[in-house]
Every structure is written in C-alpha cells, then in structure tokens.
Amino acid sequence: MKAFNKPATSKLVTRFDNELRNLLMEDLKAFREKNQFTNRNKQEAVQQQLSAA
C-alpha cells in the first residue's frame, strides 16, 4: 500500500503552466509600468525640443 498519492502528471503540468503564466504576467506588468514612465519622459523631452525650435 502506498503511503501517499501522487498527483496526476497532467495536473502538475497545468499547475506549472498557470504559475509560469502568472509570473510572466507580473513581470510584463512591471516592465510596462517602468517603460511607460521612461517613454513619457522621452516624449516630453521631444516636445520641449520641438517647442524650443
């Protein structure tokens, strides 16, 4: 008799996929927030250069 039950491989793969997707989505969200700020600064700098010219 087994001392423990092994989860089905498909359940493990599904859980792994879900965890990986969640991690990637969090990273993408953080990346977008960081780049949105830098892109905004670049756009403001370009606008200032255009208005000064």
N, C-alpha and C. Protein backbone atom coordinates (compact mmCIF):
# COMPACT_ATOMS: atom_id res chain seq x y z
N MET A 1 0.84 -1.19 0.00
CA MET A 1 0.00 0.00 0.00
C MET A 1 0.88 1.25 0.00
N LYS A 2 0.48 2.22 -0.80
CA LYS A 2 1.26 3.45 -0.91
C LYS A 2 1.03 4.34 0.31
N ALA A 3 2.08 5.05 0.70
CA ALA A 3 1.99 5.96 1.83
C ALA A 3 1.42 7.31 1.41
N PHE A 4 1.48 7.62 0.12
CA PHE A 4 0.98 8.90 -0.37
C PHE A 4 0.47 8.73 -1.79
N ASN A 5 -0.38 9.64 -2.19
CA ASN A 5 -0.91 9.64 -3.55
C ASN A 5 -0.12 10.62 -4.40
N LYS A 6 0.29 10.19 -5.58
CA LYS A 6 0.98 11.09 -6.50
C LYS A 6 -0.06 11.80 -7.34
N PRO A 7 0.05 13.12 -7.49
CA PRO A 7 -0.90 13.82 -8.36
C PRO A 7 -0.67 13.43 -9.81
N ALA A 8 -1.70 13.50 -10.57
CA ALA A 8 -1.60 13.16 -11.99
C ALA A 8 -0.65 14.13 -12.69
N THR A 9 0.08 13.61 -13.65
CA THR A 9 1.05 14.42 -14.38
C THR A 9 0.38 15.61 -15.05
N SER A 10 -0.79 15.39 -15.62
CA SER A 10 -1.47 16.49 -16.30
C SER A 10 -1.82 17.61 -15.32
N LYS A 11 -2.15 17.27 -14.09
CA LYS A 11 -2.46 18.30 -13.09
C LYS A 11 -1.20 19.08 -12.75
N LEU A 12 -0.07 18.39 -12.67
CA LEU A 12 1.18 19.08 -12.39
C LEU A 12 1.56 20.02 -13.52
N VAL A 13 1.39 19.56 -14.74
CA VAL A 13 1.72 20.39 -15.90
C VAL A 13 0.80 21.60 -15.94
N THR A 14 -0.46 21.42 -15.68
CA THR A 14 -1.41 22.53 -15.68
C THR A 14 -1.06 23.54 -14.60
N ARG A 15 -0.72 23.04 -13.42
CA ARG A 15 -0.35 23.95 -12.34
C ARG A 15 0.93 24.71 -12.69
N PHE A 16 1.91 24.01 -13.26
CA PHE A 16 3.15 24.66 -13.68
C PHE A 16 2.88 25.75 -14.70
N ASP A 17 2.06 25.43 -15.70
CA ASP A 17 1.70 26.41 -16.73
C ASP A 17 1.03 27.64 -16.12
N ASN A 18 0.12 27.42 -15.19
CA ASN A 18 -0.59 28.53 -14.55
C ASN A 18 0.37 29.40 -13.74
N GLU A 19 1.25 28.77 -12.97
CA GLU A 19 2.21 29.52 -12.17
C GLU A 19 3.17 30.31 -13.07
N LEU A 20 3.64 29.69 -14.13
CA LEU A 20 4.54 30.35 -15.05
C LEU A 20 3.86 31.54 -15.73
N ARG A 21 2.63 31.35 -16.16
CA ARG A 21 1.88 32.43 -16.79
C ARG A 21 1.69 33.59 -15.81
N ASN A 22 1.37 33.28 -14.56
CA ASN A 22 1.18 34.34 -13.57
C ASN A 22 2.47 35.12 -13.34
N LEU A 23 3.58 34.41 -13.25
CA LEU A 23 4.87 35.08 -13.07
C LEU A 23 5.21 35.97 -14.26
N LEU A 24 4.99 35.45 -15.46
CA LEU A 24 5.28 36.23 -16.66
C LEU A 24 4.37 37.45 -16.76
N MET A 25 3.12 37.31 -16.39
CA MET A 25 2.20 38.44 -16.45
C MET A 25 2.61 39.52 -15.45
N GLU A 26 3.05 39.11 -14.26
CA GLU A 26 3.51 40.07 -13.27
C GLU A 26 4.75 40.80 -13.77
N ASP A 27 5.67 40.06 -14.38
CA ASP A 27 6.88 40.68 -14.92
C ASP A 27 6.54 41.64 -16.06
N LEU A 28 5.63 41.25 -16.92
CA LEU A 28 5.22 42.11 -18.03
C LEU A 28 4.56 43.38 -17.52
N LYS A 29 3.73 43.24 -16.51
CA LYS A 29 3.06 44.40 -15.94
C LYS A 29 4.08 45.37 -15.35
N ALA A 30 5.05 44.84 -14.61
CA ALA A 30 6.10 45.68 -14.03
C ALA A 30 6.93 46.34 -15.12
N PHE A 31 7.24 45.60 -16.18
CA PHE A 31 8.03 46.12 -17.29
C PHE A 31 7.29 47.26 -17.99
N ARG A 32 6.00 47.07 -18.21
CA ARG A 32 5.21 48.11 -18.87
C ARG A 32 5.14 49.37 -18.02
N GLU A 33 4.94 49.20 -16.72
CA GLU A 33 4.87 50.35 -15.83
C GLU A 33 6.19 51.11 -15.84
N LYS A 34 7.29 50.39 -15.81
CA LYS A 34 8.61 51.03 -15.81
C LYS A 34 8.86 51.75 -17.13
N ASN A 35 8.55 51.11 -18.25
CA ASN A 35 8.79 51.71 -19.56
C ASN A 35 7.81 52.82 -19.88
N GLN A 36 6.63 52.75 -19.34
CA GLN A 36 5.66 53.81 -19.58
C GLN A 36 6.21 55.12 -19.00
N PHE A 37 6.82 55.05 -17.86
CA PHE A 37 7.39 56.23 -17.23
C PHE A 37 8.54 56.79 -18.06
N THR A 38 9.43 55.92 -18.53
CA THR A 38 10.57 56.39 -19.32
C THR A 38 10.11 56.89 -20.69
N ASN A 39 9.12 56.26 -21.27
CA ASN A 39 8.59 56.71 -22.56
C ASN A 39 7.96 58.09 -22.42
N ARG A 40 7.28 58.31 -21.32
CA ARG A 40 6.66 59.60 -21.08
C ARG A 40 7.72 60.69 -21.00
N ASN A 41 8.82 60.39 -20.31
CA ASN A 41 9.91 61.36 -20.20
C ASN A 41 10.52 61.66 -21.56
N LYS A 42 10.68 60.64 -22.39
CA LYS A 42 11.24 60.85 -23.73
C LYS A 42 10.30 61.70 -24.57
N GLN A 43 9.01 61.45 -24.48
CA GLN A 43 8.04 62.22 -25.26
C GLN A 43 8.05 63.68 -24.82
N GLU A 44 8.15 63.92 -23.52
CA GLU A 44 8.19 65.29 -23.02
C GLU A 44 9.45 65.99 -23.50
N ALA A 45 10.57 65.29 -23.52
CA ALA A 45 11.82 65.88 -23.98
C ALA A 45 11.73 66.24 -25.46
N VAL A 46 11.13 65.38 -26.26
CA VAL A 46 10.97 65.66 -27.69
C VAL A 46 10.06 66.86 -27.88
N GLN A 47 8.99 66.94 -27.12
CA GLN A 47 8.06 68.06 -27.24
C GLN A 47 8.74 69.37 -26.85
N GLN A 48 9.58 69.33 -25.82
CA GLN A 48 10.29 70.53 -25.40
C GLN A 48 11.26 70.97 -26.48
N GLN A 49 11.93 70.02 -27.13
CA GLN A 49 12.85 70.36 -28.19
C GLN A 49 12.12 70.97 -29.38
N LEU A 50 10.96 70.42 -29.69
CA LEU A 50 10.18 70.94 -30.81
C LEU A 50 9.67 72.35 -30.51
N SER A 51 9.22 72.60 -29.30
CA SER A 51 8.69 73.92 -28.97
C SER A 51 9.80 74.95 -28.87
N ALA A 52 11.02 74.51 -28.52
CA ALA A 52 12.14 75.44 -28.41
C ALA A 52 12.67 75.81 -29.79
N ALA A 53 12.42 74.98 -30.76
CA ALA A 53 12.99 75.23 -32.11
C ALA A 53 12.20 76.19 -32.90
